[in-house]
Amino acid sequence: MIRKARRFPAALFLALVILFAAVCGTAGAERTGKVRGGWLILRSYPSYNGKQLASYPTGTVVTITGQSGAWYAVTAPDGLSGYMLGSYLTVSGDDLVVGGDAWVTSTNGLNVRLRSGNGTRYGVIASYPPGTKCKIVDKLGTFCRIDIGKYTGYMMTKFLTATDPGSGGGGGGTVLYDVYVTSTNGRGVNMRSTPSKGNNVIGFYDVGTKAGMITPGGTWSRISIDGKTGYMMTAFLSKTVPDPFVPSGGSYVISYNGKNVNLRNGPGYNHTVIGTYAPGTPLTILTPGPQWDFILIGGVYGYMMNQFIVTK
């Protein structure tokens, strides 16, 4: 006997299609969370019994990758992944109110794009630095429609916050405390645009340079130096002013013609001479460079060409 094929109800099929689309749309929407209420523990699984992997202070922005009950699966700025309790996270978009003020934010300090439509396929109208004020016109999930400057457009919700960042973070975050650049060999340290090694160096700073700590991390920390925001390896940051680097054996001035050697206030002939020193004068190399070394000599800091410096 040949059985007649049963027809799949059209209404049920349509409902399944809508449900599938909703699930896929939710999975593709990247959200962020900001730690509040003090230090928040990152755990290995969604439970108080989960191993403590690290802890992060108020203001730390994490990327949300999933949810398990009251716990969010997150990736921290230093690259560690685990779970955080949702009651201590302000999730992107939750604090935004239609008709209310908001500010542009980003975890790397770079400008954020304003688009002509609510999707990355739409054209870019302009881009704005962290800290730029705007007004929320409409909330559309992953994107918000905003008035900003002379334009009305769409910006990703994860790059908007209802909390005024103020002026403390150099454009992109509140400074928690001061730190200083340090290293074991006396050389300067790179600041990078993202928390990883690669061709993303945005600054190079001498040992002892003062910085503002925005988001401390286990491997990388987000900092601000002279208005520039970026990432530096935590191992090269100290809460105390580092002692001057003193190479073993000591160093001193040499001169092939017996004349004094100039000390300048910058690494180049165009910089002002702030002192001259006779051959044999002892000095301390603080930051070696390709042609000019940053040194301490006779209680004065400055730059001297390394062809006139010898180390015993």
Protein backbone atom coordinates (compact mmCIF):
# COMPACT_ATOMS: atom_id res chain seq x y z
CA MET A 1 0.00 0.00 0.00
CA ILE A 2 1.37 3.40 -0.94
CA ARG A 3 1.05 5.94 1.83
CA LYS A 4 0.17 9.47 0.93
CA ALA A 5 2.85 11.97 2.02
CA ARG A 6 1.75 14.19 4.89
CA ARG A 7 1.91 17.92 4.26
CA PHE A 8 3.99 20.02 6.69
CA PRO A 9 1.76 22.76 8.14
CA ALA A 10 2.73 26.07 6.56
CA ALA A 11 2.16 28.02 9.77
CA LEU A 12 4.48 25.75 11.75
CA PHE A 13 7.16 25.97 9.05
CA LEU A 14 6.98 29.78 9.10
CA ALA A 15 7.26 29.84 12.89
CA LEU A 16 10.39 27.66 12.77
CA VAL A 17 11.96 29.92 10.14
CA ILE A 18 11.33 33.01 12.31
CA LEU A 19 12.72 31.26 15.41
CA PHE A 20 15.85 30.14 13.50
CA ALA A 21 16.46 33.67 12.23
CA ALA A 22 16.08 35.12 15.71
CA VAL A 23 18.56 32.65 17.21
CA CYS A 24 21.12 33.26 14.46
CA GLY A 25 20.74 37.02 14.79
CA THR A 26 21.33 36.84 18.53
CA ALA A 27 24.37 34.61 18.15
CA GLY A 28 25.99 37.01 15.72
CA ALA A 29 25.55 40.11 17.88
CA GLU A 30 28.70 40.86 19.84
CA ARG A 31 28.16 42.56 23.19
CA THR A 32 30.43 44.03 25.81
CA GLY A 33 30.16 44.37 29.57
CA LYS A 34 31.72 46.81 32.02
CA VAL A 35 32.75 45.72 35.51
CA ARG A 36 31.03 47.62 38.34
CA GLY A 37 30.95 47.43 42.14
CA GLY A 38 34.65 46.76 42.74
CA TRP A 39 36.91 43.93 41.63
CA LEU A 40 35.15 41.12 39.73
CA ILE A 41 36.52 37.57 39.60
CA LEU A 42 36.92 35.70 36.31
CA ARG A 43 36.20 32.00 36.89
CA SER A 44 36.91 28.86 34.87
CA TYR A 45 33.24 27.83 34.72
CA PRO A 46 29.88 29.45 35.62
CA SER A 47 29.82 28.76 39.35
CA TYR A 48 31.22 30.13 42.59
CA ASN A 49 33.18 26.86 42.69
CA GLY A 50 34.93 27.72 39.43
CA LYS A 51 38.68 28.29 39.65
CA GLN A 52 39.65 31.95 40.02
CA LEU A 53 41.59 32.85 36.86
CA ALA A 54 41.98 36.60 37.49
CA SER A 55 40.13 39.63 38.84
CA TYR A 56 39.41 43.00 37.23
CA PRO A 57 38.55 46.44 38.67
CA THR A 58 35.52 48.63 38.09
CA GLY A 59 35.52 50.05 34.58
CA THR A 60 37.17 47.05 32.88
CA VAL A 61 35.43 46.32 29.55
CA VAL A 62 35.06 42.65 28.57
CA THR A 63 33.66 41.02 25.44
CA ILE A 64 30.61 38.83 26.07
CA THR A 65 30.69 35.57 24.11
CA GLY A 66 27.78 33.70 25.73
CA GLN A 67 25.57 33.29 28.78
CA SER A 68 24.84 30.50 31.26
CA GLY A 69 22.10 31.46 33.70
CA ALA A 70 23.31 34.37 35.83
CA TRP A 71 26.85 34.06 34.44
CA TYR A 72 28.32 35.56 31.27
CA ALA A 73 31.07 33.92 29.21
CA VAL A 74 33.58 36.70 28.57
CA THR A 75 36.99 37.49 27.14
CA ALA A 76 38.98 40.03 29.16
CA PRO A 77 41.24 42.75 27.65
CA ASP A 78 44.34 40.69 28.46
CA GLY A 79 43.01 37.74 26.42
CA LEU A 80 41.88 35.52 29.29
CA SER A 81 38.48 33.82 28.84
CA GLY A 82 36.10 32.55 31.50
CA TYR A 83 32.90 33.46 33.32
CA MET A 84 31.78 36.53 35.28
CA LEU A 85 28.69 37.00 37.43
CA GLY A 86 26.20 39.11 35.48
CA SER A 87 24.98 41.11 38.49
CA TYR A 88 28.36 42.89 38.53
CA LEU A 89 28.45 43.68 34.81
CA THR A 90 26.80 46.53 32.95
CA VAL A 91 26.05 45.01 29.55
CA SER A 92 26.38 47.25 26.50
CA GLY A 93 23.10 48.86 25.59
CA ASP A 94 21.40 48.19 28.91
CA ASP A 95 22.29 51.64 30.24
CA LEU A 96 21.30 53.53 27.07
CA VAL A 97 17.99 55.42 27.00
CA VAL A 98 16.22 56.70 23.89
CA GLY A 99 16.39 60.49 24.02
CA GLY A 100 19.25 60.37 26.52
CA ASP A 101 22.91 61.32 26.21
CA ALA A 102 25.65 58.81 25.43
CA TRP A 103 29.38 58.83 24.77
CA VAL A 104 31.55 56.97 22.28
CA THR A 105 33.84 54.37 23.84
CA SER A 106 36.30 51.74 22.63
CA THR A 107 38.71 49.32 24.30
CA ASN A 108 41.66 50.25 22.07
CA GLY A 109 41.29 54.05 22.06
CA LEU A 110 40.68 54.18 18.29
CA ASN A 111 37.90 56.12 16.55
CA VAL A 112 34.49 54.47 16.04
CA ARG A 113 32.58 54.52 12.74
CA LEU A 114 29.20 56.13 12.17
CA ARG A 115 27.31 54.40 9.35
CA SER A 116 24.39 55.28 7.10
CA GLY A 117 22.41 52.18 8.15
CA ASN A 118 22.15 49.68 11.00
CA GLY A 119 24.70 47.18 9.71
CA THR A 120 28.37 46.92 8.78
CA ARG A 121 27.40 46.66 5.11
CA TYR A 122 26.36 50.31 5.10
CA GLY A 123 28.74 53.11 4.21
CA VAL A 124 30.80 55.05 6.72
CA ILE A 125 29.66 58.66 7.24
CA ALA A 126 32.36 59.68 9.73
CA SER A 127 34.37 58.37 12.68
CA TYR A 128 34.59 59.74 16.22
CA PRO A 129 37.12 59.41 19.04
CA PRO A 130 36.22 57.90 22.43
CA GLY A 131 34.60 60.47 24.69
CA THR A 132 32.54 62.15 21.94
CA LYS A 133 29.05 63.02 23.20
CA CYS A 134 25.94 62.05 21.24
CA LYS A 135 22.17 61.52 21.72
CA ILE A 136 20.33 58.21 21.38
CA VAL A 137 17.53 58.46 18.79
CA ASP A 138 16.60 54.77 18.68
CA LYS A 139 17.91 51.43 20.01
CA LEU A 140 18.03 48.65 17.41
CA GLY A 141 19.87 45.85 19.20
CA THR A 142 23.38 45.63 17.81
CA PHE A 143 23.17 49.22 16.52
CA CYS A 144 21.79 52.51 17.82
CA ARG A 145 20.59 55.44 15.75
CA ILE A 146 22.26 58.56 17.13
CA ASP A 147 22.68 62.29 16.64
CA ILE A 148 26.37 63.13 16.81
CA GLY A 149 28.03 66.33 15.64
CA LYS A 150 26.27 67.45 12.47
CA TYR A 151 25.19 63.94 11.47
CA THR A 152 22.47 61.41 12.27
CA GLY A 153 23.53 57.83 11.69
CA TYR A 154 24.08 54.39 13.16
CA MET A 155 26.79 53.20 15.55
CA MET A 156 27.32 49.78 17.11
CA THR A 157 25.78 49.66 20.59
CA LYS A 158 28.91 48.11 22.11
CA PHE A 159 30.78 51.37 21.34
CA LEU A 160 28.30 53.55 23.25
CA THR A 161 28.00 54.19 26.97
CA ALA A 162 25.67 56.27 29.12
CA THR A 163 28.53 57.00 31.52
CA ASP A 164 30.42 60.23 30.88
CA PRO A 165 34.09 59.15 30.61
CA GLY A 166 35.22 62.66 31.59
CA SER A 167 38.71 63.81 30.72
CA GLY A 168 40.71 61.43 32.90
CA GLY A 169 41.42 58.69 30.38
CA GLY A 170 43.09 60.57 27.57
CA GLY A 171 40.07 59.77 25.42
CA GLY A 172 38.80 56.30 26.11
CA GLY A 173 38.66 55.44 29.82
CA THR A 174 39.01 56.60 33.40
CA VAL A 175 42.50 56.54 34.93
CA LEU A 176 42.52 54.40 38.09
CA TYR A 177 46.05 55.20 39.31
CA ASP A 178 49.51 56.19 38.09
CA VAL A 179 52.16 53.75 36.89
CA TYR A 180 55.66 54.07 35.43
CA VAL A 181 57.37 52.40 32.50
CA THR A 182 60.14 50.03 33.60
CA SER A 183 62.41 47.33 32.13
CA THR A 184 65.22 45.10 33.30
CA ASN A 185 67.67 46.23 30.60
CA GLY A 186 67.01 49.98 30.73
CA ARG A 187 65.56 50.10 27.22
CA GLY A 188 62.30 51.85 26.40
CA VAL A 189 59.02 49.97 25.92
CA ASN A 190 56.49 49.93 23.07
CA MET A 191 52.86 50.99 23.42
CA ARG A 192 50.55 49.10 21.05
CA SER A 193 47.08 49.74 19.64
CA THR A 194 45.88 46.24 20.57
CA PRO A 195 46.87 43.83 23.38
CA SER A 196 49.17 41.71 21.22
CA LYS A 197 52.61 41.80 19.63
CA GLY A 198 52.77 42.73 15.96
CA ASN A 199 53.02 45.72 13.64
CA ASN A 200 50.79 47.87 15.84
CA VAL A 201 53.27 50.05 17.75
CA ILE A 202 51.83 53.51 18.42
CA GLY A 203 54.50 54.82 20.81
CA PHE A 204 57.89 54.14 22.41
CA TYR A 205 58.56 55.35 25.95
CA ASP A 206 61.66 55.64 28.12
CA VAL A 207 61.98 53.93 31.47
CA GLY A 208 60.45 56.15 34.15
CA THR A 209 57.75 57.63 31.89
CA LYS A 210 54.57 58.28 33.89
CA ALA A 211 51.36 56.65 32.61
CA GLY A 212 47.73 56.40 33.72
CA MET A 213 46.39 52.90 34.36
CA ILE A 214 42.96 52.46 32.76
CA THR A 215 42.48 48.67 32.67
CA PRO A 216 45.03 46.46 34.46
CA GLY A 217 45.46 42.92 33.15
CA GLY A 218 47.52 39.82 33.73
CA THR A 219 49.54 40.06 30.49
CA TRP A 220 48.52 43.38 28.91
CA SER A 221 47.26 46.59 30.50
CA ARG A 222 45.47 49.52 28.90
CA ILE A 223 47.16 52.81 29.73
CA SER A 224 47.24 56.48 28.79
CA ILE A 225 50.42 58.53 28.19
CA ASP A 226 50.28 62.20 27.19
CA GLY A 227 46.72 61.88 25.86
CA LYS A 228 47.44 58.70 23.84
CA THR A 229 45.65 55.50 24.88
CA GLY A 230 46.99 52.03 24.11
CA TYR A 231 48.30 48.76 25.51
CA MET A 232 51.60 47.86 27.19
CA MET A 233 52.71 44.57 28.69
CA THR A 234 51.97 44.58 32.42
CA ALA A 235 55.49 43.31 33.18
CA PHE A 236 56.84 46.68 31.99
CA LEU A 237 54.66 48.77 34.31
CA SER A 238 55.38 49.61 37.94
CA LYS A 239 53.40 51.45 40.62
CA THR A 240 56.68 52.92 41.92
CA VAL A 241 59.22 55.06 40.09
CA PRO A 242 61.93 52.65 38.85
CA ASP A 243 65.55 53.11 39.89
CA PRO A 244 67.93 54.28 37.13
CA PHE A 245 69.40 51.44 35.10
CA VAL A 246 73.10 50.98 35.85
CA PRO A 247 74.98 48.67 33.44
CA SER A 248 77.61 46.40 34.89
CA GLY A 249 81.15 47.80 34.68
CA GLY A 250 79.99 51.40 34.23
CA SER A 251 80.18 53.72 31.23
CA TYR A 252 82.03 56.96 30.49
CA VAL A 253 82.56 59.64 27.83
CA ILE A 254 85.18 59.15 25.12
CA SER A 255 86.40 61.56 22.45
CA TYR A 256 88.77 60.88 19.58
CA ASN A 257 90.10 64.46 19.52
CA GLY A 258 90.14 65.07 23.27
CA LYS A 259 87.41 67.71 23.13
CA ASN A 260 84.33 67.79 25.33
CA VAL A 261 81.16 66.04 24.14
CA ASN A 262 77.74 67.70 24.03
CA LEU A 263 74.69 66.54 26.01
CA ARG A 264 71.38 67.56 24.40
CA ASN A 265 67.77 67.68 25.56
CA GLY A 266 66.62 65.42 22.70
CA PRO A 267 67.97 62.72 20.37
CA GLY A 268 69.26 64.88 17.49
CA TYR A 269 71.54 67.76 16.49
CA ASN A 270 68.52 70.07 16.30
CA HIS A 271 68.00 69.80 20.06
CA THR A 272 69.46 72.23 22.58
CA VAL A 273 72.87 71.58 24.17
CA ILE A 274 72.38 71.39 27.95
CA GLY A 275 75.97 70.55 28.89
CA THR A 276 79.43 69.48 27.70
CA TYR A 277 81.52 66.76 29.33
CA ALA A 278 85.18 65.84 29.18
CA PRO A 279 86.43 62.42 28.07
CA GLY A 280 86.47 60.02 31.01
CA THR A 281 83.40 61.50 32.73
CA PRO A 282 81.35 58.60 34.18
CA LEU A 283 77.69 58.28 33.14
CA THR A 284 74.72 55.95 33.38
CA ILE A 285 72.93 54.73 30.25
CA LEU A 286 69.18 54.80 30.93
CA THR A 287 67.78 54.01 27.47
CA PRO A 288 70.13 52.86 24.69
CA GLY A 289 69.14 53.96 21.19
CA PRO A 290 70.27 53.37 17.58
CA GLN A 291 72.40 56.58 17.54
CA TRP A 292 71.54 58.51 20.69
CA ASP A 293 71.46 57.18 24.25
CA PHE A 294 69.36 58.69 27.02
CA ILE A 295 71.79 59.04 29.92
CA LEU A 296 72.35 60.42 33.41
CA ILE A 297 75.63 62.28 33.78
CA GLY A 298 76.65 64.54 36.64
CA GLY A 299 73.07 64.58 37.91
CA VAL A 300 71.74 65.78 34.54
CA TYR A 301 69.46 63.78 32.21
CA GLY A 302 69.89 64.12 28.46
CA TYR A 303 70.89 62.55 25.15
CA MET A 304 74.42 61.84 23.87
CA MET A 305 75.58 60.16 20.67
CA ASN A 306 76.57 56.61 21.55
CA GLN A 307 79.74 56.83 19.44
CA PHE A 308 81.07 58.99 22.30
CA ILE A 309 80.15 56.48 25.01
CA VAL A 310 82.04 53.37 25.99
CA THR A 311 81.10 50.69 28.54
CA LYS A 312 83.82 48.88 30.45
